């Protein structure tokens, strides 16, 4: 499973965030003024985190995880054991 550049980690602040410029699902991040829907960065973070959480639970024999963001990769090593 590859965690793309859309999900990042700010080590200095100790928080995850979404890089909107690297997230390309137009339906997921687009505001809809006609329906009165606006999506904040926190809404998008919950949405993207949920997507990755669902994908990470689909491995039957195991799951390899790679994070494009080096800071997120280091953060995830605290929670996911490394095989190498």
C-alpha atoms as a PDB file:
ATOM      1  CA  UNK A   1       0.000   0.000   0.000  1.00  0.00           C
ATOM      2  CA  UNK A   2       1.440   3.353  -0.996  1.00  0.00           C
ATOM      3  CA  UNK A   3       0.416   6.387   1.006  1.00  0.00           C
ATOM      4  CA  UNK A   4       0.770   9.122  -1.561  1.00  0.00           C
ATOM      5  CA  UNK A   5       1.918  12.711  -1.201  1.00  0.00           C
ATOM      6  CA  UNK A   6      -1.609  13.823  -0.322  1.00  0.00           C
ATOM      7  CA  UNK A   7      -1.216  12.750   3.333  1.00  0.00           C
ATOM      8  CA  UNK A   8       1.687  14.385   5.154  1.00  0.00           C
ATOM      9  CA  UNK A   9       3.040  14.783   8.669  1.00  0.00           C
ATOM     10  CA  UNK A  10       4.373  17.981  10.241  1.00  0.00           C
ATOM     11  CA  UNK A  11       6.897  16.695  12.784  1.00  0.00           C
ATOM     12  CA  UNK A  12       7.447  20.112  14.388  1.00  0.00           C
ATOM     13  CA  UNK A  13       3.718  20.434  15.094  1.00  0.00           C
ATOM     14  CA  UNK A  14       3.089  16.722  15.665  1.00  0.00           C
ATOM     15  CA  UNK A  15       0.083  16.591  13.343  1.00  0.00           C
ATOM     16  CA  UNK A  16      -1.049  15.019  10.094  1.00  0.00           C
ATOM     17  CA  UNK A  17      -2.397  17.191   7.306  1.00  0.00           C
ATOM     18  CA  UNK A  18      -3.612  16.926   3.729  1.00  0.00           C
ATOM     19  CA  UNK A  19      -1.761  18.625   0.905  1.00  0.00           C
ATOM     20  CA  UNK A  20      -4.695  19.777  -1.234  1.00  0.00           C
ATOM     21  CA  UNK A  21      -2.420  20.318  -4.230  1.00  0.00           C
ATOM     22  CA  UNK A  22      -1.501  16.618  -4.205  1.00  0.00           C
ATOM     23  CA  UNK A  23      -5.069  15.343  -3.766  1.00  0.00           C
ATOM     24  CA  UNK A  24      -6.748  14.850  -7.133  1.00  0.00           C
ATOM     25  CA  UNK A  25     -10.224  13.476  -6.386  1.00  0.00           C
ATOM     26  CA  UNK A  26     -12.366  16.398  -7.535  1.00  0.00           C
ATOM     27  CA  UNK A  27     -15.510  15.013  -5.918  1.00  0.00           C
ATOM     28  CA  UNK A  28     -13.725  14.506  -2.611  1.00  0.00           C
ATOM     29  CA  UNK A  29     -12.242  17.960  -2.192  1.00  0.00           C
ATOM     30  CA  UNK A  30     -14.576  20.114  -4.241  1.00  0.00           C
ATOM     31  CA  UNK A  31     -16.922  22.508  -2.550  1.00  0.00           C
ATOM     32  CA  UNK A  32     -20.497  22.508  -3.790  1.00  0.00           C
ATOM     33  CA  UNK A  33     -21.996  25.993  -3.488  1.00  0.00           C
ATOM     34  CA  UNK A  34     -25.301  24.848  -4.967  1.00  0.00           C
ATOM     35  CA  UNK A  35     -25.800  22.372  -2.126  1.00  0.00           C
ATOM     36  CA  UNK A  36     -24.180  24.682   0.413  1.00  0.00           C
ATOM     37  CA  UNK A  37     -21.339  22.227   1.132  1.00  0.00           C
ATOM     38  CA  UNK A  38     -17.858  23.404   1.932  1.00  0.00           C
ATOM     39  CA  UNK A  39     -15.032  21.129   2.983  1.00  0.00           C
ATOM     40  CA  UNK A  40     -12.396  22.366   5.398  1.00  0.00           C
ATOM     41  CA  UNK A  41      -8.905  20.937   5.639  1.00  0.00           C
ATOM     42  CA  UNK A  42     -10.012  18.963   8.721  1.00  0.00           C
ATOM     43  CA  UNK A  43     -12.930  17.457   6.773  1.00  0.00           C
ATOM     44  CA  UNK A  44     -10.586  16.442   3.970  1.00  0.00           C
ATOM     45  CA  UNK A  45      -8.089  14.984   6.479  1.00  0.00           C
ATOM     46  CA  UNK A  46     -10.819  12.794   7.995  1.00  0.00           C
ATOM     47  CA  UNK A  47     -11.933  11.693   4.527  1.00  0.00           C
ATOM     48  CA  UNK A  48      -8.407  10.824   3.309  1.00  0.00           C
ATOM     49  CA  UNK A  49      -7.451   9.150   6.609  1.00  0.00           C
ATOM     50  CA  UNK A  50     -10.570   6.998   6.396  1.00  0.00           C
ATOM     51  CA  UNK A  51      -9.708   5.953   2.841  1.00  0.00           C
ATOM     52  CA  UNK A  52      -6.222   4.827   3.874  1.00  0.00           C
ATOM     53  CA  UNK A  53      -7.558   3.112   7.023  1.00  0.00           C
ATOM     54  CA  UNK A  54      -9.971   1.042   4.941  1.00  0.00           C
ATOM     55  CA  UNK A  55      -7.272   0.092   2.440  1.00  0.00           C
ATOM     56  CA  UNK A  56      -4.818  -0.850   5.196  1.00  0.00           C
ATOM     57  CA  UNK A  57      -7.287  -3.320   6.701  1.00  0.00           C
ATOM     58  CA  UNK A  58      -7.767  -5.242   3.438  1.00  0.00           C
ATOM     59  CA  UNK A  59      -4.538  -7.273   3.553  1.00  0.00           C
ATOM     60  CA  UNK A  60      -5.229 -10.966   4.130  1.00  0.00           C
ATOM     61  CA  UNK A  61      -1.673 -12.321   4.328  1.00  0.00           C
ATOM     62  CA  UNK A  62      -0.162  -8.989   5.431  1.00  0.00           C
ATOM     63  CA  UNK A  63       0.386  -5.523   4.111  1.00  0.00           C
ATOM     64  CA  UNK A  64       3.483  -3.638   3.051  1.00  0.00           C
ATOM     65  CA  UNK A  65       3.229   0.092   3.655  1.00  0.00           C
ATOM     66  CA  UNK A  66       5.238   2.846   1.985  1.00  0.00           C
ATOM     67  CA  UNK A  67       4.689   6.536   2.696  1.00  0.00           C
ATOM     68  CA  UNK A  68       5.911   9.051   0.120  1.00  0.00           C
ATOM     69  CA  UNK A  69       6.398  11.752   2.773  1.00  0.00           C
ATOM     70  CA  UNK A  70       9.600  11.016   4.779  1.00  0.00           C
ATOM     71  CA  UNK A  71       8.213  12.623   7.951  1.00  0.00           C
ATOM     72  CA  UNK A  72       5.037  10.522   7.731  1.00  0.00           C
ATOM     73  CA  UNK A  73       7.147   7.429   7.093  1.00  0.00           C
ATOM     74  CA  UNK A  74       9.152   8.064  10.281  1.00  0.00           C
ATOM     75  CA  UNK A  75       5.935   8.732  12.221  1.00  0.00           C
ATOM     76  CA  UNK A  76       4.340   5.483  11.034  1.00  0.00           C
ATOM     77  CA  UNK A  77       7.370   3.461  12.115  1.00  0.00           C
ATOM     78  CA  UNK A  78       6.263   4.129  15.694  1.00  0.00           C
ATOM     79  CA  UNK A  79       3.057   2.177  15.019  1.00  0.00           C
ATOM     80  CA  UNK A  80       3.877  -0.289  12.255  1.00  0.00           C
ATOM     81  CA  UNK A  81       6.761  -2.718  12.806  1.00  0.00           C
ATOM     82  CA  UNK A  82       9.459  -2.725  10.161  1.00  0.00           C
ATOM     83  CA  UNK A  83      10.418  -5.994   8.506  1.00  0.00           C
ATOM     84  CA  UNK A  84      13.817  -4.841   7.368  1.00  0.00           C
END
